[in-house]
Amino acid sequence: MIRRRPWLAAWQPPFLESGGDIRQVLATLLRSAEFKAAGGRKIKRPLEYATSVVRALDIPPFGPAPKARTLSSADAVGPLPASFSQLLFNALLDMGQVPFYWPTPDGYPDQGAAWINTANLLARWNLALTLTSGKGSGALFKPGAHAGSAALKTAPEAVDYWIERLLHRPLPAAARQHLLDHVGNDVSAAGQRQLIAMILASPAFQMR
């Protein structure tokens, strides 16, 4: 026997009344209070986290293949250094979710308990720090290249700008104050890099 679930009520009426119009059903679901309340309650799996970090920093994730396969070669075609793909691969390996590496056909776990541990969190923090460091692959991200970031003069301006830029939603007051305490008066490019890394490593960015 199929048990009736509460969320079925959100889509059954529009589905039946519209004769199975999927557009109307999706509009009802996506505009529902339940959907709006579902954000920020599930941790990103490693591949989702790595992808969201790269996208948030506007680093192009793909590009022409490098001319040389060796990591020691800096000669690459296109915008990405030869080691960038290797950096992401190593990060996903450390976080435990390299594509197609799961040994059984049930796929990688989709529960937070499978991904919340010290090793996994450390690997996430290291990826955020590496890609904002300004060195090696981290040189691909330039804070001053973002419109408005070069004009930031105070810590509150910098914190609010990067919270909105990276999270697209406000942080709780306590979390925002923690960022302000860390930044102090340093809104230089180096100071902003550290701020950005902290936001990318924060629980708010880890969740979806």
N, C-alpha and C. Protein backbone atom coordinates (compact mmCIF):
# COMPACT_ATOMS: atom_id res chain seq x y z
N MET A 1 0.84 -1.19 0.00
CA MET A 1 0.00 0.00 0.00
C MET A 1 0.88 1.25 0.00
N ILE A 2 0.55 2.22 -0.83
CA ILE A 2 1.29 3.47 -0.90
C ILE A 2 0.78 4.42 0.16
N ARG A 3 1.69 4.85 1.04
CA ARG A 3 1.29 5.78 2.09
C ARG A 3 1.20 7.20 1.53
N ARG A 4 0.19 7.93 1.95
CA ARG A 4 0.01 9.31 1.52
C ARG A 4 1.00 10.20 2.29
N ARG A 5 1.73 11.02 1.61
CA ARG A 5 2.69 11.90 2.24
C ARG A 5 2.16 13.34 2.18
N PRO A 6 2.47 14.15 3.23
CA PRO A 6 1.93 15.51 3.27
C PRO A 6 2.29 16.36 2.08
N TRP A 7 3.53 16.17 1.54
CA TRP A 7 3.93 17.05 0.44
C TRP A 7 3.18 16.78 -0.85
N LEU A 8 2.47 15.63 -0.91
CA LEU A 8 1.69 15.35 -2.12
C LEU A 8 0.60 16.40 -2.32
N ALA A 9 0.12 16.95 -1.22
CA ALA A 9 -0.97 17.92 -1.32
C ALA A 9 -0.56 19.16 -2.08
N ALA A 10 0.75 19.45 -2.14
CA ALA A 10 1.22 20.66 -2.82
C ALA A 10 1.10 20.56 -4.33
N TRP A 11 1.17 19.33 -4.86
CA TRP A 11 1.17 19.24 -6.32
C TRP A 11 -0.01 18.47 -6.91
N GLN A 12 -0.72 17.71 -6.10
CA GLN A 12 -1.83 16.94 -6.65
C GLN A 12 -2.94 17.80 -7.24
N PRO A 13 -3.44 18.85 -6.50
CA PRO A 13 -4.52 19.65 -7.10
C PRO A 13 -4.14 20.30 -8.43
N PRO A 14 -3.02 21.03 -8.53
CA PRO A 14 -2.69 21.64 -9.82
C PRO A 14 -2.44 20.60 -10.91
N PHE A 15 -1.90 19.44 -10.52
CA PHE A 15 -1.65 18.39 -11.51
C PHE A 15 -2.96 17.87 -12.08
N LEU A 16 -3.92 17.60 -11.19
CA LEU A 16 -5.20 17.05 -11.63
C LEU A 16 -6.04 18.11 -12.34
N GLU A 17 -6.07 19.31 -11.77
CA GLU A 17 -6.91 20.37 -12.33
C GLU A 17 -6.40 20.86 -13.68
N SER A 18 -5.09 20.79 -13.91
CA SER A 18 -4.52 21.26 -15.17
C SER A 18 -4.39 20.16 -16.21
N GLY A 19 -4.83 18.97 -15.85
CA GLY A 19 -4.72 17.87 -16.79
C GLY A 19 -3.28 17.40 -16.98
N GLY A 20 -2.47 17.56 -15.96
CA GLY A 20 -1.08 17.09 -16.04
C GLY A 20 -0.12 18.11 -16.61
N ASP A 21 -0.45 19.39 -16.52
CA ASP A 21 0.44 20.45 -17.02
C ASP A 21 1.64 20.57 -16.10
N ILE A 22 2.80 20.09 -16.53
CA ILE A 22 4.00 20.07 -15.69
C ILE A 22 4.45 21.48 -15.33
N ARG A 23 4.30 22.43 -16.25
CA ARG A 23 4.72 23.81 -15.97
C ARG A 23 3.94 24.35 -14.76
N GLN A 24 2.65 24.13 -14.74
CA GLN A 24 1.82 24.63 -13.65
C GLN A 24 2.17 23.92 -12.34
N VAL A 25 2.43 22.62 -12.42
CA VAL A 25 2.78 21.86 -11.23
C VAL A 25 4.09 22.38 -10.63
N LEU A 26 5.10 22.59 -11.49
CA LEU A 26 6.39 23.09 -11.02
C LEU A 26 6.26 24.50 -10.45
N ALA A 27 5.45 25.34 -11.09
CA ALA A 27 5.25 26.70 -10.57
C ALA A 27 4.65 26.65 -9.18
N THR A 28 3.72 25.74 -8.96
CA THR A 28 3.12 25.60 -7.63
C THR A 28 4.15 25.14 -6.60
N LEU A 29 4.96 24.17 -6.98
CA LEU A 29 5.97 23.65 -6.07
C LEU A 29 7.02 24.70 -5.74
N LEU A 30 7.55 25.37 -6.76
CA LEU A 30 8.65 26.32 -6.55
C LEU A 30 8.22 27.58 -5.83
N ARG A 31 6.93 27.88 -5.85
CA ARG A 31 6.43 29.07 -5.14
C ARG A 31 5.85 28.73 -3.78
N SER A 32 5.90 27.48 -3.39
CA SER A 32 5.29 27.06 -2.14
C SER A 32 6.15 27.46 -0.94
N ALA A 33 5.51 27.62 0.19
CA ALA A 33 6.23 27.96 1.43
C ALA A 33 7.17 26.83 1.83
N GLU A 34 6.78 25.59 1.56
CA GLU A 34 7.61 24.44 1.90
C GLU A 34 8.92 24.47 1.12
N PHE A 35 8.85 24.84 -0.15
CA PHE A 35 10.08 24.90 -0.97
C PHE A 35 10.99 26.02 -0.47
N LYS A 36 10.41 27.18 -0.15
CA LYS A 36 11.22 28.30 0.32
C LYS A 36 11.89 27.98 1.65
N ALA A 37 11.24 27.18 2.47
CA ALA A 37 11.78 26.85 3.79
C ALA A 37 12.80 25.72 3.73
N ALA A 38 12.96 25.11 2.55
CA ALA A 38 13.85 23.95 2.45
C ALA A 38 15.31 24.33 2.24
N GLY A 39 15.60 25.59 1.91
CA GLY A 39 16.96 26.00 1.64
C GLY A 39 17.83 26.01 2.88
N GLY A 40 19.10 25.68 2.70
CA GLY A 40 20.06 25.73 3.79
C GLY A 40 19.90 24.66 4.85
N ARG A 41 19.31 23.53 4.48
CA ARG A 41 19.06 22.47 5.47
C ARG A 41 19.80 21.18 5.13
N LYS A 42 20.50 21.18 4.01
CA LYS A 42 21.20 19.96 3.60
C LYS A 42 22.62 20.30 3.18
N ILE A 43 23.59 19.54 3.66
CA ILE A 43 24.97 19.86 3.35
C ILE A 43 25.28 19.48 1.90
N LYS A 44 26.11 20.28 1.27
CA LYS A 44 26.54 19.98 -0.09
C LYS A 44 27.48 18.77 -0.06
N ARG A 45 27.29 17.88 -1.00
CA ARG A 45 28.27 16.81 -1.16
C ARG A 45 29.56 17.42 -1.72
N PRO A 46 30.69 16.72 -1.60
CA PRO A 46 31.96 17.31 -2.03
C PRO A 46 31.98 17.86 -3.45
N LEU A 47 31.41 17.14 -4.40
CA LEU A 47 31.42 17.63 -5.77
C LEU A 47 30.59 18.91 -5.90
N GLU A 48 29.46 18.96 -5.20
CA GLU A 48 28.65 20.18 -5.19
C GLU A 48 29.42 21.33 -4.56
N TYR A 49 30.12 21.05 -3.47
CA TYR A 49 30.87 22.10 -2.79
C TYR A 49 31.99 22.64 -3.68
N ALA A 50 32.78 21.73 -4.27
CA ALA A 50 33.87 22.17 -5.14
C ALA A 50 33.35 22.98 -6.31
N THR A 51 32.26 22.54 -6.91
CA THR A 51 31.67 23.25 -8.04
C THR A 51 31.18 24.63 -7.63
N SER A 52 30.54 24.71 -6.46
CA SER A 52 30.01 26.00 -6.02
C SER A 52 31.11 26.97 -5.65
N VAL A 53 32.24 26.48 -5.13
CA VAL A 53 33.39 27.36 -4.83
C VAL A 53 33.95 27.93 -6.12
N VAL A 54 34.16 27.07 -7.11
CA VAL A 54 34.71 27.51 -8.40
C VAL A 54 33.78 28.52 -9.06
N ARG A 55 32.48 28.27 -9.02
CA ARG A 55 31.52 29.19 -9.61
C ARG A 55 31.46 30.51 -8.85
N ALA A 56 31.49 30.44 -7.53
CA ALA A 56 31.42 31.66 -6.72
C ALA A 56 32.61 32.57 -6.98
N LEU A 57 33.76 31.97 -7.26
CA LEU A 57 34.96 32.75 -7.52
C LEU A 57 35.12 33.12 -9.00
N ASP A 58 34.15 32.74 -9.81
CA ASP A 58 34.19 33.04 -11.25
C ASP A 58 35.44 32.47 -11.93
N ILE A 59 35.88 31.32 -11.48
CA ILE A 59 37.00 30.62 -12.12
C ILE A 59 36.41 29.69 -13.18
N PRO A 60 36.85 29.80 -14.43
CA PRO A 60 36.29 28.91 -15.46
C PRO A 60 36.68 27.47 -15.17
N PRO A 61 35.71 26.57 -14.97
CA PRO A 61 36.05 25.21 -14.57
C PRO A 61 36.59 24.34 -15.68
N PHE A 62 36.35 24.72 -16.92
CA PHE A 62 36.84 23.90 -18.02
C PHE A 62 37.59 24.78 -19.01
N GLY A 63 38.43 24.20 -19.76
CA GLY A 63 39.20 24.91 -20.75
C GLY A 63 39.93 23.92 -21.63
N PRO A 64 40.60 24.39 -22.66
CA PRO A 64 41.37 23.49 -23.52
C PRO A 64 42.37 22.69 -22.71
N ALA A 65 42.65 21.48 -23.15
CA ALA A 65 43.59 20.62 -22.43
C ALA A 65 44.99 21.22 -22.47
N PRO A 66 45.76 21.06 -21.41
CA PRO A 66 47.14 21.57 -21.41
C PRO A 66 47.98 20.83 -22.43
N LYS A 67 49.02 21.48 -22.91
CA LYS A 67 49.91 20.86 -23.89
C LYS A 67 50.68 19.71 -23.27
N ALA A 68 51.05 19.86 -22.01
CA ALA A 68 51.82 18.83 -21.35
C ALA A 68 51.01 18.22 -20.22
N ARG A 69 51.24 16.95 -19.94
CA ARG A 69 50.51 16.27 -18.89
C ARG A 69 51.20 16.38 -17.53
N THR A 70 52.46 16.76 -17.53
CA THR A 70 53.22 16.83 -16.28
C THR A 70 52.81 18.05 -15.47
N LEU A 71 52.71 17.87 -14.16
CA LEU A 71 52.31 18.96 -13.28
C LEU A 71 53.38 20.03 -13.19
N SER A 72 54.62 19.69 -13.55
CA SER A 72 55.70 20.67 -13.45
C SER A 72 55.68 21.66 -14.60
N SER A 73 54.91 21.36 -15.64
CA SER A 73 54.88 22.25 -16.79
C SER A 73 53.87 23.36 -16.58
N ALA A 74 54.28 24.59 -16.80
CA ALA A 74 53.37 25.74 -16.69
C ALA A 74 52.82 26.14 -18.04
N ASP A 75 53.17 25.39 -19.09
CA ASP A 75 52.75 25.73 -20.44
C ASP A 75 51.40 25.09 -20.72
N ALA A 76 50.35 25.87 -20.68
CA ALA A 76 49.02 25.35 -20.92
C ALA A 76 48.29 26.23 -21.92
N VAL A 77 47.37 25.62 -22.64
CA VAL A 77 46.56 26.35 -23.60
C VAL A 77 45.30 26.83 -22.89
N GLY A 78 44.91 28.07 -23.10
CA GLY A 78 43.69 28.56 -22.50
C GLY A 78 43.92 29.21 -21.15
N PRO A 79 42.82 29.54 -20.43
CA PRO A 79 42.92 30.33 -19.21
C PRO A 79 43.38 29.55 -17.99
N LEU A 80 43.35 28.23 -18.03
CA LEU A 80 43.65 27.44 -16.84
C LEU A 80 45.08 26.95 -16.83
N PRO A 81 45.76 27.03 -15.68
CA PRO A 81 47.09 26.43 -15.58
C PRO A 81 46.97 24.92 -15.65
N ALA A 82 48.04 24.26 -16.05
CA ALA A 82 47.99 22.82 -16.26
C ALA A 82 47.61 22.07 -14.99
N SER A 83 47.89 22.62 -13.84
CA SER A 83 47.67 21.90 -12.59
C SER A 83 46.26 22.10 -12.01
N PHE A 84 45.44 22.94 -12.64
CA PHE A 84 44.14 23.25 -12.04
C PHE A 84 43.25 22.02 -11.94
N SER A 85 43.15 21.26 -13.02
CA SER A 85 42.33 20.05 -12.99
C SER A 85 42.84 19.07 -11.96
N GLN A 86 44.17 18.97 -11.84
CA GLN A 86 44.75 18.08 -10.85
C GLN A 86 44.43 18.54 -9.43
N LEU A 87 44.43 19.86 -9.23
CA LEU A 87 44.09 20.41 -7.92
C LEU A 87 42.67 20.03 -7.52
N LEU A 88 41.72 20.18 -8.45
CA LEU A 88 40.34 19.82 -8.15
C LEU A 88 40.19 18.32 -7.93
N PHE A 89 40.91 17.54 -8.72
CA PHE A 89 40.85 16.08 -8.56
C PHE A 89 41.36 15.69 -7.17
N ASN A 90 42.49 16.27 -6.78
CA ASN A 90 43.06 15.95 -5.47
C ASN A 90 42.13 16.37 -4.34
N ALA A 91 41.48 17.54 -4.52
CA ALA A 91 40.55 18.01 -3.49
C ALA A 91 39.37 17.05 -3.36
N LEU A 92 38.81 16.61 -4.50
CA LEU A 92 37.69 15.67 -4.46
C LEU A 92 38.13 14.33 -3.89
N LEU A 93 39.36 13.93 -4.17
CA LEU A 93 39.89 12.68 -3.61
C LEU A 93 39.98 12.80 -2.09
N ASP A 94 40.46 13.94 -1.60
CA ASP A 94 40.55 14.15 -0.16
C ASP A 94 39.18 14.22 0.49
N MET A 95 38.20 14.77 -0.25
CA MET A 95 36.85 14.89 0.29
C MET A 95 36.02 13.63 0.10
N GLY A 96 36.51 12.71 -0.73
CA GLY A 96 35.85 11.41 -0.86
C GLY A 96 34.80 11.28 -1.92
N GLN A 97 34.81 12.18 -2.95
CA GLN A 97 33.79 12.06 -3.99
C GLN A 97 34.37 12.36 -5.37
N VAL A 98 35.30 11.56 -5.81
CA VAL A 98 35.76 11.65 -7.19
C VAL A 98 34.70 11.00 -8.08
N PRO A 99 34.28 11.65 -9.18
CA PRO A 99 33.25 11.05 -10.03
C PRO A 99 33.61 9.65 -10.49
N PHE A 100 32.64 8.75 -10.41
CA PHE A 100 32.74 7.36 -10.89
C PHE A 100 33.66 6.50 -10.03
N TYR A 101 34.04 6.96 -8.85
CA TYR A 101 34.91 6.16 -7.98
C TYR A 101 34.13 5.34 -6.96
N TRP A 102 32.82 5.56 -6.85
CA TRP A 102 32.05 4.79 -5.88
C TRP A 102 31.94 3.35 -6.36
N PRO A 103 32.32 2.39 -5.53
CA PRO A 103 32.46 1.01 -6.03
C PRO A 103 31.17 0.27 -6.33
N THR A 104 30.04 0.71 -5.76
CA THR A 104 28.80 -0.01 -5.99
C THR A 104 27.81 0.88 -6.75
N PRO A 105 26.82 0.28 -7.40
CA PRO A 105 25.93 1.07 -8.28
C PRO A 105 24.90 1.92 -7.57
N ASP A 106 24.90 1.95 -6.23
CA ASP A 106 23.91 2.76 -5.54
C ASP A 106 24.29 4.24 -5.48
N GLY A 107 25.52 4.58 -5.87
CA GLY A 107 25.93 5.98 -5.91
C GLY A 107 26.40 6.51 -4.56
N TYR A 108 27.00 7.69 -4.61
CA TYR A 108 27.50 8.31 -3.40
C TYR A 108 26.36 8.64 -2.44
N PRO A 109 26.60 8.55 -1.14
CA PRO A 109 25.55 8.86 -0.15
C PRO A 109 25.06 10.29 -0.28
N ASP A 110 23.81 10.48 0.06
CA ASP A 110 23.22 11.82 0.00
C ASP A 110 22.73 12.26 1.39
N GLN A 111 23.39 11.75 2.42
CA GLN A 111 23.08 12.15 3.79
C GLN A 111 24.28 12.88 4.37
N GLY A 112 24.01 13.91 5.17
CA GLY A 112 25.07 14.71 5.74
C GLY A 112 26.03 13.92 6.59
N ALA A 113 25.55 12.88 7.27
CA ALA A 113 26.41 12.10 8.16
C ALA A 113 27.57 11.45 7.42
N ALA A 114 27.40 11.21 6.13
CA ALA A 114 28.46 10.58 5.34
C ALA A 114 29.60 11.54 5.02
N TRP A 115 29.33 12.85 5.15
CA TRP A 115 30.31 13.84 4.70
C TRP A 115 30.81 14.76 5.81
N ILE A 116 30.19 14.72 6.96
CA ILE A 116 30.60 15.60 8.05
C ILE A 116 31.57 14.85 8.96
N ASN A 117 32.84 15.06 8.74
CA ASN A 117 33.88 14.51 9.59
C ASN A 117 35.09 15.44 9.49
N THR A 118 36.05 15.28 10.36
CA THR A 118 37.17 16.22 10.41
C THR A 118 37.98 16.24 9.12
N ALA A 119 38.23 15.07 8.54
CA ALA A 119 39.04 15.01 7.32
C ALA A 119 38.34 15.70 6.17
N ASN A 120 37.03 15.47 6.04
CA ASN A 120 36.28 16.06 4.94
C ASN A 120 36.20 17.57 5.09
N LEU A 121 35.92 18.05 6.29
CA LEU A 121 35.83 19.49 6.50
C LEU A 121 37.19 20.16 6.29
N LEU A 122 38.25 19.53 6.74
CA LEU A 122 39.59 20.10 6.53
C LEU A 122 39.90 20.22 5.05
N ALA A 123 39.53 19.21 4.26
CA ALA A 123 39.76 19.26 2.82
C ALA A 123 38.96 20.38 2.17
N ARG A 124 37.75 20.63 2.64
CA ARG A 124 36.93 21.72 2.12
C ARG A 124 37.58 23.07 2.44
N TRP A 125 38.01 23.23 3.68
CA TRP A 125 38.65 24.49 4.08
C TRP A 125 39.93 24.72 3.27
N ASN A 126 40.69 23.64 3.06
CA ASN A 126 41.94 23.77 2.30
C ASN A 126 41.66 24.20 0.86
N LEU A 127 40.59 23.67 0.27
CA LEU A 127 40.25 24.07 -1.10
C LEU A 127 39.89 25.55 -1.15
N ALA A 128 39.09 26.01 -0.19
CA ALA A 128 38.72 27.42 -0.14
C ALA A 128 39.95 28.31 0.02
N LEU A 129 40.87 27.90 0.89
CA LEU A 129 42.09 28.68 1.12
C LEU A 129 42.98 28.69 -0.11
N THR A 130 43.10 27.53 -0.76
CA THR A 130 43.98 27.43 -1.93
C THR A 130 43.48 28.31 -3.07
N LEU A 131 42.17 28.28 -3.32
CA LEU A 131 41.63 29.00 -4.48
C LEU A 131 41.48 30.50 -4.23
N THR A 132 41.69 30.94 -3.00
CA THR A 132 41.65 32.38 -2.72
C THR A 132 43.02 32.92 -2.33
N SER A 133 44.05 32.07 -2.37
CA SER A 133 45.37 32.43 -1.85
C SER A 133 46.12 33.46 -2.69
N GLY A 134 45.80 33.52 -3.98
CA GLY A 134 46.56 34.40 -4.87
C GLY A 134 47.83 33.75 -5.39
N LYS A 135 48.06 32.51 -5.01
CA LYS A 135 49.26 31.79 -5.44
C LYS A 135 48.87 30.53 -6.21
N GLY A 136 49.68 30.15 -7.18
CA GLY A 136 49.37 28.96 -7.97
C GLY A 136 48.01 29.07 -8.62
N SER A 137 47.19 28.03 -8.44
CA SER A 137 45.83 28.06 -8.99
C SER A 137 44.99 29.13 -8.35
N GLY A 138 45.34 29.55 -7.13
CA GLY A 138 44.61 30.61 -6.46
C GLY A 138 44.77 31.96 -7.13
N ALA A 139 45.76 32.08 -8.02
CA ALA A 139 45.96 33.35 -8.74
C ALA A 139 44.87 33.58 -9.77
N LEU A 140 44.08 32.55 -10.06
CA LEU A 140 42.99 32.71 -11.02
C LEU A 140 41.89 33.61 -10.47
N PHE A 141 41.82 33.74 -9.16
CA PHE A 141 40.79 34.59 -8.54
C PHE A 141 41.41 35.91 -8.11
N LYS A 142 40.82 36.99 -8.58
CA LYS A 142 41.30 38.33 -8.25
C LYS A 142 40.14 39.12 -7.64
N PRO A 143 40.17 39.39 -6.33
CA PRO A 143 39.07 40.12 -5.69
C PRO A 143 38.75 41.45 -6.36
N GLY A 144 39.79 42.18 -6.77
CA GLY A 144 39.58 43.49 -7.35
C GLY A 144 38.91 43.47 -8.70
N ALA A 145 38.81 42.29 -9.31
CA ALA A 145 38.17 42.19 -10.63
C ALA A 145 36.65 42.27 -10.54
N HIS A 146 36.10 42.13 -9.35
CA HIS A 146 34.65 42.17 -9.18
C HIS A 146 34.19 43.61 -9.02
N ALA A 147 33.17 43.96 -9.76
CA ALA A 147 32.66 45.33 -9.73
C ALA A 147 32.30 45.74 -8.31
N GLY A 148 32.87 46.84 -7.86
CA GLY A 148 32.56 47.35 -6.54
C GLY A 148 33.52 46.94 -5.45
N SER A 149 34.26 45.84 -5.64
CA SER A 149 35.13 45.36 -4.57
C SER A 149 36.32 46.27 -4.35
N ALA A 150 36.80 46.91 -5.41
CA ALA A 150 37.97 47.79 -5.27
C ALA A 150 37.63 49.05 -4.48
N ALA A 151 36.36 49.39 -4.39
CA ALA A 151 35.94 50.62 -3.70
C ALA A 151 35.64 50.39 -2.22
N LEU A 152 35.80 49.17 -1.73
CA LEU A 152 35.49 48.87 -0.34
C LEU A 152 36.52 49.51 0.58
N LYS A 153 36.07 50.28 1.56
CA LYS A 153 36.97 51.04 2.43
C LYS A 153 36.93 50.59 3.88
N THR A 154 35.84 49.98 4.31
CA THR A 154 35.70 49.61 5.71
C THR A 154 35.36 48.12 5.83
N ALA A 155 35.60 47.59 7.03
CA ALA A 155 35.30 46.17 7.26
C ALA A 155 33.82 45.85 7.06
N PRO A 156 32.87 46.65 7.60
CA PRO A 156 31.46 46.34 7.35
C PRO A 156 31.11 46.32 5.87
N GLU A 157 31.68 47.26 5.10
CA GLU A 157 31.41 47.27 3.66
C GLU A 157 31.91 45.99 3.01
N ALA A 158 33.14 45.60 3.36
CA ALA A 158 33.73 44.40 2.75
C ALA A 158 32.96 43.14 3.15
N VAL A 159 32.63 43.03 4.44
CA VAL A 159 31.92 41.84 4.91
C VAL A 159 30.55 41.73 4.24
N ASP A 160 29.80 42.82 4.21
CA ASP A 160 28.45 42.78 3.62
C ASP A 160 28.52 42.55 2.11
N TYR A 161 29.53 43.13 1.46
CA TYR A 161 29.66 42.95 0.01
C TYR A 161 29.90 41.49 -0.32
N TRP A 162 30.85 40.85 0.38
CA TRP A 162 31.20 39.47 0.02
C TRP A 162 30.18 38.47 0.53
N ILE A 163 29.48 38.78 1.61
CA ILE A 163 28.37 37.91 2.02
C ILE A 163 27.30 37.87 0.94
N GLU A 164 26.93 39.03 0.44
CA GLU A 164 25.92 39.09 -0.62
C GLU A 164 26.44 38.47 -1.91
N ARG A 165 27.70 38.73 -2.23
CA ARG A 165 28.28 38.24 -3.48
C ARG A 165 28.40 36.72 -3.49
N LEU A 166 28.73 36.12 -2.35
CA LEU A 166 28.99 34.68 -2.30
C LEU A 166 27.79 33.87 -1.82
N LEU A 167 27.00 34.43 -0.90
CA LEU A 167 25.89 33.68 -0.31
C LEU A 167 24.53 34.09 -0.86
N HIS A 168 24.41 35.35 -1.31
CA HIS A 168 23.15 35.88 -1.84
C HIS A 168 22.05 35.91 -0.79
N ARG A 169 22.45 35.97 0.46
CA ARG A 169 21.49 36.08 1.56
C ARG A 169 22.26 36.56 2.78
N PRO A 170 21.59 37.21 3.72
CA PRO A 170 22.30 37.70 4.91
C PRO A 170 22.70 36.57 5.84
N LEU A 171 23.73 36.83 6.63
CA LEU A 171 24.15 35.90 7.67
C LEU A 171 23.51 36.29 9.00
N PRO A 172 23.36 35.35 9.92
CA PRO A 172 22.94 35.72 11.27
C PRO A 172 23.92 36.73 11.87
N ALA A 173 23.43 37.55 12.78
CA ALA A 173 24.24 38.63 13.33
C ALA A 173 25.54 38.12 13.97
N ALA A 174 25.46 36.99 14.67
CA ALA A 174 26.66 36.46 15.34
C ALA A 174 27.72 36.04 14.33
N ALA A 175 27.30 35.41 13.24
CA ALA A 175 28.25 34.97 12.22
C ALA A 175 28.86 36.17 11.51
N ARG A 176 28.04 37.18 11.24
CA ARG A 176 28.56 38.40 10.60
C ARG A 176 29.58 39.09 11.51
N GLN A 177 29.30 39.14 12.80
CA GLN A 177 30.21 39.78 13.74
C GLN A 177 31.53 39.03 13.81
N HIS A 178 31.48 37.72 13.70
CA HIS A 178 32.70 36.92 13.71
C HIS A 178 33.59 37.30 12.52
N LEU A 179 32.98 37.51 11.37
CA LEU A 179 33.75 37.93 10.19
C LEU A 179 34.33 39.33 10.40
N LEU A 180 33.55 40.22 10.97
CA LEU A 180 34.03 41.57 11.24
C LEU A 180 35.22 41.56 12.19
N ASP A 181 35.14 40.72 13.23
CA ASP A 181 36.24 40.63 14.19
C ASP A 181 37.50 40.12 13.51
N HIS A 182 37.35 39.20 12.58
CA HIS A 182 38.52 38.65 11.90
C HIS A 182 39.14 39.66 10.94
N VAL A 183 38.30 40.38 10.21
CA VAL A 183 38.81 41.34 9.23
C VAL A 183 39.53 42.50 9.91
N GLY A 184 38.97 42.97 11.03
CA GLY A 184 39.55 44.14 11.67
C GLY A 184 39.46 45.34 10.75
N ASN A 185 40.59 45.96 10.47
CA ASN A 185 40.62 47.11 9.56
C ASN A 185 41.28 46.78 8.23
N ASP A 186 41.55 45.49 7.99
CA ASP A 186 42.28 45.10 6.78
C ASP A 186 41.32 44.79 5.64
N VAL A 187 41.12 45.74 4.75
CA VAL A 187 40.30 45.52 3.57
C VAL A 187 41.16 45.53 2.31
N SER A 188 42.44 45.27 2.48
CA SER A 188 43.34 45.14 1.33
C SER A 188 42.96 43.88 0.54
N ALA A 189 43.60 43.69 -0.59
CA ALA A 189 43.32 42.49 -1.39
C ALA A 189 43.60 41.22 -0.58
N ALA A 190 44.70 41.23 0.19
CA ALA A 190 45.05 40.07 1.01
C ALA A 190 44.00 39.86 2.10
N GLY A 191 43.55 40.96 2.73
CA GLY A 191 42.54 40.85 3.76
C GLY A 191 41.22 40.34 3.21
N GLN A 192 40.87 40.79 2.02
CA GLN A 192 39.62 40.32 1.40
C GLN A 192 39.72 38.86 1.01
N ARG A 193 40.89 38.41 0.59
CA ARG A 193 41.07 36.99 0.26
C ARG A 193 40.79 36.12 1.49
N GLN A 194 41.31 36.52 2.64
CA GLN A 194 41.06 35.76 3.87
C GLN A 194 39.58 35.78 4.23
N LEU A 195 38.95 36.93 4.07
CA LEU A 195 37.52 37.04 4.35
C LEU A 195 36.72 36.11 3.45
N ILE A 196 37.05 36.12 2.17
CA ILE A 196 36.33 35.28 1.20
C ILE A 196 36.52 33.81 1.54
N ALA A 197 37.74 33.42 1.90
CA ALA A 197 38.00 32.03 2.27
C ALA A 197 37.16 31.62 3.47
N MET A 198 37.03 32.52 4.45
CA MET A 198 36.23 32.21 5.63
C MET A 198 34.76 32.01 5.27
N ILE A 199 34.25 32.84 4.37
CA ILE A 199 32.84 32.69 3.96
C ILE A 199 32.64 31.38 3.22
N LEU A 200 33.58 31.03 2.33
CA LEU A 200 33.47 29.79 1.57
C LEU A 200 33.59 28.56 2.47
N ALA A 201 34.30 28.72 3.58
CA ALA A 201 34.46 27.61 4.52
C ALA A 201 33.38 27.58 5.59
N SER A 202 32.52 28.57 5.60
CA SER A 202 31.52 28.70 6.66
C SER A 202 30.38 27.68 6.50
N PRO A 203 29.67 27.39 7.59
CA PRO A 203 28.50 26.50 7.49
C PRO A 203 27.47 27.01 6.51
N ALA A 204 27.32 28.34 6.41
CA ALA A 204 26.31 28.91 5.49
C ALA A 204 26.60 28.53 4.05
N PHE A 205 27.87 28.49 3.66
CA PHE A 205 28.21 28.13 2.28
C PHE A 205 28.20 26.63 2.08
N GLN A 206 28.40 25.88 3.16
CA GLN A 206 28.44 24.42 3.06
C GLN A 206 27.05 23.83 2.81
N MET A 207 26.01 24.59 3.18
CA MET A 207 24.65 24.07 3.09
C MET A 207 23.97 24.49 1.80
N ARG A 208 22.97 23.73 1.42
CA ARG A 208 22.17 24.07 0.25
C ARG A 208 20.68 23.84 0.55
